[in-house]
Structures are given as C-alpha cells and as structure tokens.
Amino acid sequence: MAKQKGKFPTKEKIMRVAAKMFSERGYDKVTTREIAKVVGINSASIYYYFPSKEDILKSLYRFYNEELRKVCPDLNELLRLAETDLPYEVLMKSEFHYNDKDMREMLDQILVTAALRFCGDPESERFLRENIFDNIANILRPLLLRLIELKKIKSFDVDSFIKVMSYYCYSAAALNNSDFKQDIPEYQAGMALLFSIITPTDN
C-alpha cells in the first residue's frame, strides 16, 4: 500500500488508512507501525492521535455512527408521505447512501472490518447489529406497518422482509470491498427489486 497523500488532516488519514488495511487483512494482522508507515508519519507519532490500535477501531465505529445519522431518512417525514404518496415511491425514499465515493468506500470498509471480527468481538457484533439490522428495522418496520394500516399495501411478513433487506445492504457493503463493486444505480436497482415484492392494494 502506497503512502497516503492529499487533502485529509493526519487524524483522518490514520482512520482512512486503518479502515482500508483492517478490511483487507483483518484487524489483528495490522500493526500501528504499518498504519503509520502508509500515512507517512513516525510510528510513535500515531499515539499522539490514538492511544492504541483498539482506540482507532472504536473511533472508526463512532465515525460510522455519526456519518450514518447524517444520511438516514427522517422517519416522521416518511410516515407523513405514507398518507399521500404511492407506497413504492415512499419506500424508495427510505433508501439512503453517500454520493461521495471516498466516504462510501470508507464506511463500507468499516462495516467489513466489523464483519471480520463478528464472531470473536462483542463490540463489533453490537456495532453491526445496531448500524445494519436495527437501523434498517427502525425505519422500515414502522413505515411498512403504517402502509398496511392505511390499506395501501397487502399484509405480509414484515420482519422476514426486513431481514432480507438487511442482508442485502450488508452484502452490498462487503461487495464494495472487493472486485465486485456496485455503483449507486446498481445498488438502488437491487433495492427497487426488493420493494417490488411488496404488493399494493387496489385502494
């Protein structure tokens, strides 16, 4: 991996390099010395920004949480639109992503890092559960139940659908950390296909 140059402050460079290296090789196989070398700083200097490698990982998880909140749709607005708009249109507005390619790539790398540590690290398991599975459920479950209540879509197994949607989002992040990258239109086409499974009523 070449030295990191460019526009980011040193602390953010460390996080970006760590996210990439952790996702490619696994957290346990990457040293702070290697991260510092790629960033282009003295190996001891990294501790000025992060007391330990674990602190880098925790900072990446916090960073993901903060960035996710910026792009998450407003549930109250979606519930309001459910009253007036077509179900498919409302559901597609529940989809969210980053348009910025670098940011999208970094966030996907953080997810993959957590996935690689899923079985042996409770913190990573909690991170994935909250940011993928719970986050999607917290938006889609009330929205789908409201659409059913309004008789705009036919009743169906909402929880199973949410699981499938969560797996799709999770898989998309993993694919974007490989040679099988999805661009945004491809990702949205997958979301559209899943939402097309939901049957509108004749109302």
Protein backbone atom coordinates (compact mmCIF):
# COMPACT_ATOMS: atom_id res chain seq x y z
CA MET A 1 0.00 0.00 0.00
CA ALA A 2 1.48 3.35 -1.07
CA LYS A 3 1.96 6.28 1.27
CA GLN A 4 -1.19 8.31 1.85
CA LYS A 5 -1.07 11.83 0.45
CA GLY A 6 -3.59 14.57 0.00
CA LYS A 7 -6.34 16.58 1.48
CA PHE A 8 -7.11 14.99 4.86
CA PRO A 9 -5.80 16.01 8.30
CA THR A 10 -3.43 13.47 9.87
CA LYS A 11 -6.00 12.01 12.27
CA GLU A 12 -8.45 11.37 9.44
CA LYS A 13 -5.66 9.93 7.26
CA ILE A 14 -4.87 7.45 10.04
CA MET A 15 -8.53 6.43 10.22
CA ARG A 16 -8.87 6.08 6.46
CA VAL A 17 -5.70 4.02 6.13
CA ALA A 18 -6.67 1.85 9.11
CA ALA A 19 -10.16 1.22 7.69
CA LYS A 20 -8.68 0.07 4.39
CA MET A 21 -5.98 -2.11 5.97
CA PHE A 22 -8.32 -3.63 8.59
CA SER A 23 -10.90 -4.52 5.93
CA GLU A 24 -8.31 -6.07 3.60
CA ARG A 25 -6.18 -8.00 6.09
CA GLY A 26 -8.18 -8.13 9.31
CA TYR A 27 -7.74 -6.01 12.42
CA ASP A 28 -5.47 -8.49 14.21
CA LYS A 29 -2.98 -8.71 11.34
CA VAL A 30 -2.37 -4.96 11.03
CA THR A 31 0.05 -3.09 13.30
CA THR A 32 0.07 0.59 14.21
CA ARG A 33 3.61 0.73 12.80
CA GLU A 34 2.30 -0.37 9.39
CA ILE A 35 -0.53 2.17 9.55
CA ALA A 36 1.91 4.96 10.44
CA LYS A 37 4.21 3.99 7.54
CA VAL A 38 1.40 4.24 4.99
CA VAL A 39 0.17 7.53 6.47
CA GLY A 40 3.75 8.83 6.25
CA ILE A 41 4.36 9.61 9.91
CA ASN A 42 6.77 8.31 12.54
CA SER A 43 5.43 5.15 14.18
CA ALA A 44 5.50 6.79 17.62
CA SER A 45 3.52 9.79 16.34
CA ILE A 46 0.38 7.72 15.86
CA TYR A 47 -0.05 7.55 19.65
CA TYR A 48 -0.44 11.33 19.73
CA TYR A 49 -3.74 10.82 17.90
CA PHE A 50 -4.80 7.39 19.19
CA PRO A 51 -3.61 5.78 22.46
CA SER A 52 -3.88 2.28 20.95
CA LYS A 53 -4.93 0.29 17.90
CA GLU A 54 -8.17 -0.57 19.69
CA ASP A 55 -8.88 3.14 20.05
CA ILE A 56 -8.52 3.52 16.27
CA LEU A 57 -11.13 0.79 15.80
CA LYS A 58 -13.51 2.37 18.32
CA SER A 59 -13.02 5.74 16.62
CA LEU A 60 -13.93 4.18 13.28
CA TYR A 61 -17.12 2.77 14.77
CA ARG A 62 -18.03 6.15 16.30
CA PHE A 63 -17.27 7.85 12.98
CA TYR A 64 -19.60 5.45 11.17
CA ASN A 65 -22.39 6.13 13.68
CA GLU A 66 -22.02 9.89 13.22
CA GLU A 67 -21.97 9.70 9.42
CA LEU A 68 -24.92 7.32 9.32
CA ARG A 69 -27.08 9.81 11.23
CA LYS A 70 -26.35 12.43 8.55
CA VAL A 71 -27.88 10.40 5.72
CA CYS A 72 -30.62 8.42 7.47
CA PRO A 73 -34.10 9.41 6.25
CA ASP A 74 -36.47 11.16 8.62
CA LEU A 75 -38.98 8.54 9.76
CA ASN A 76 -41.62 11.14 10.63
CA GLU A 77 -41.38 12.57 7.12
CA LEU A 78 -41.71 9.08 5.60
CA LEU A 79 -44.77 8.36 7.75
CA ARG A 80 -46.28 11.65 6.61
CA LEU A 81 -45.62 10.79 2.95
CA ALA A 82 -47.20 7.36 3.51
CA GLU A 83 -50.54 9.17 3.88
CA THR A 84 -50.41 10.77 0.43
CA ASP A 85 -47.81 9.17 -1.86
CA LEU A 86 -47.72 5.85 -3.66
CA PRO A 87 -46.27 3.08 -1.45
CA TYR A 88 -43.39 2.25 -3.82
CA GLU A 89 -42.33 5.91 -4.00
CA VAL A 90 -42.35 6.24 -0.22
CA LEU A 91 -40.39 3.03 0.25
CA MET A 92 -37.73 4.11 -2.25
CA LYS A 93 -37.30 7.31 -0.24
CA SER A 94 -36.35 5.17 2.75
CA GLU A 95 -33.21 4.12 0.86
CA PHE A 96 -30.10 6.08 1.78
CA HIS A 97 -26.47 6.19 0.70
CA TYR A 98 -23.50 8.52 0.35
CA ASN A 99 -22.95 10.09 -3.06
CA ASP A 100 -19.33 10.82 -2.14
CA LYS A 101 -17.36 7.81 -3.42
CA ASP A 102 -14.49 8.13 -0.92
CA MET A 103 -16.85 8.35 2.05
CA ARG A 104 -18.99 5.46 0.81
CA GLU A 105 -15.87 3.34 0.36
CA MET A 106 -14.57 4.13 3.85
CA LEU A 107 -17.90 3.35 5.52
CA ASP A 108 -18.10 0.03 3.67
CA GLN A 109 -14.57 -0.78 4.82
CA ILE A 110 -15.59 -0.12 8.43
CA LEU A 111 -18.54 -2.49 8.05
CA VAL A 112 -16.32 -5.19 6.57
CA THR A 113 -13.82 -4.72 9.42
CA ALA A 114 -16.63 -5.30 11.92
CA ALA A 115 -17.87 -8.31 9.95
CA LEU A 116 -14.42 -9.91 10.04
CA ARG A 117 -14.46 -9.57 13.85
CA PHE A 118 -18.12 -10.52 14.27
CA CYS A 119 -17.69 -13.93 15.93
CA GLY A 120 -14.99 -13.01 18.46
CA ASP A 121 -15.64 -9.43 19.44
CA PRO A 122 -18.86 -8.32 21.23
CA GLU A 123 -18.19 -4.67 20.37
CA SER A 124 -18.08 -5.45 16.64
CA GLU A 125 -21.18 -7.63 16.92
CA ARG A 126 -23.06 -4.81 18.65
CA PHE A 127 -21.84 -2.32 16.03
CA LEU A 128 -23.15 -4.44 13.14
CA ARG A 129 -26.44 -5.19 14.86
CA GLU A 130 -27.14 -1.52 15.64
CA ASN A 131 -25.94 0.01 12.38
CA ILE A 132 -27.28 -2.53 9.88
CA PHE A 133 -30.03 -4.69 11.29
CA ASP A 134 -31.55 -2.43 13.98
CA ASN A 135 -31.16 0.74 11.94
CA ILE A 136 -32.99 -0.69 8.92
CA ALA A 137 -35.70 -2.21 11.13
CA ASN A 138 -36.22 1.08 12.99
CA ILE A 139 -37.05 2.78 9.69
CA LEU A 140 -38.79 0.08 7.69
CA ARG A 141 -40.89 -1.66 10.35
CA PRO A 142 -42.99 1.38 11.37
CA LEU A 143 -43.22 2.53 7.75
CA LEU A 144 -44.41 -0.84 6.44
CA LEU A 145 -46.84 -1.33 9.32
CA ARG A 146 -48.27 2.13 8.67
CA LEU A 147 -48.73 1.37 4.98
CA ILE A 148 -50.52 -1.85 5.92
CA GLU A 149 -52.67 0.04 8.43
CA LEU A 150 -53.57 2.57 5.74
CA LYS A 151 -54.51 -0.38 3.50
CA LYS A 152 -52.04 0.83 0.87
CA ILE A 153 -50.17 -2.47 0.75
CA LYS A 154 -51.29 -6.01 1.46
CA SER A 155 -50.36 -7.54 4.80
CA PHE A 156 -47.23 -9.72 4.68
CA ASP A 157 -44.35 -10.95 6.88
CA VAL A 158 -42.70 -7.61 7.64
CA ASP A 159 -39.94 -9.00 9.87
CA SER A 160 -38.78 -11.54 7.28
CA PHE A 161 -38.72 -8.83 4.62
CA ILE A 162 -36.62 -6.59 6.89
CA LYS A 163 -34.13 -9.43 7.40
CA VAL A 164 -33.78 -9.91 3.64
CA MET A 165 -33.31 -6.16 3.17
CA SER A 166 -30.68 -6.09 5.94
CA TYR A 167 -28.78 -8.97 4.34
CA TYR A 168 -28.84 -7.15 1.00
CA CYS A 169 -27.42 -3.94 2.50
CA TYR A 170 -24.80 -5.91 4.41
CA SER A 171 -23.80 -7.86 1.29
CA ALA A 172 -23.58 -4.68 -0.78
CA ALA A 173 -21.04 -3.25 1.68
CA ALA A 174 -18.99 -6.45 1.50
CA LEU A 175 -19.08 -6.46 -2.32
CA ASN A 176 -17.87 -2.87 -2.41
CA ASN A 177 -14.75 -4.02 -0.59
CA SER A 178 -13.98 -6.49 -3.40
CA ASP A 179 -13.63 -6.52 -7.18
CA PHE A 180 -17.45 -6.85 -7.45
CA LYS A 181 -18.21 -3.23 -6.60
CA GLN A 182 -21.72 -1.86 -7.07
CA ASP A 183 -22.30 1.68 -8.24
CA ILE A 184 -25.23 3.60 -6.77
CA PRO A 185 -27.65 2.89 -9.67
CA GLU A 186 -26.94 -0.85 -9.33
CA TYR A 187 -27.48 -0.70 -5.57
CA GLN A 188 -30.73 1.21 -6.00
CA ALA A 189 -31.91 -1.26 -8.66
CA GLY A 190 -31.49 -4.04 -6.09
CA MET A 191 -33.48 -2.06 -3.54
CA ALA A 192 -36.17 -1.39 -6.13
CA LEU A 193 -36.42 -5.10 -6.92
CA LEU A 194 -36.87 -5.95 -3.24
CA PHE A 195 -39.52 -3.27 -2.77
CA SER A 196 -41.34 -4.53 -5.87
CA ILE A 197 -42.09 -7.74 -3.93
CA ILE A 198 -44.48 -5.76 -1.73
CA THR A 199 -47.97 -5.85 -3.20
CA PRO A 200 -50.03 -2.64 -3.26
CA THR A 201 -53.75 -2.86 -2.67
CA ASP A 202 -56.34 -1.67 -5.16
CA ASN A 203 -57.16 1.38 -2.99
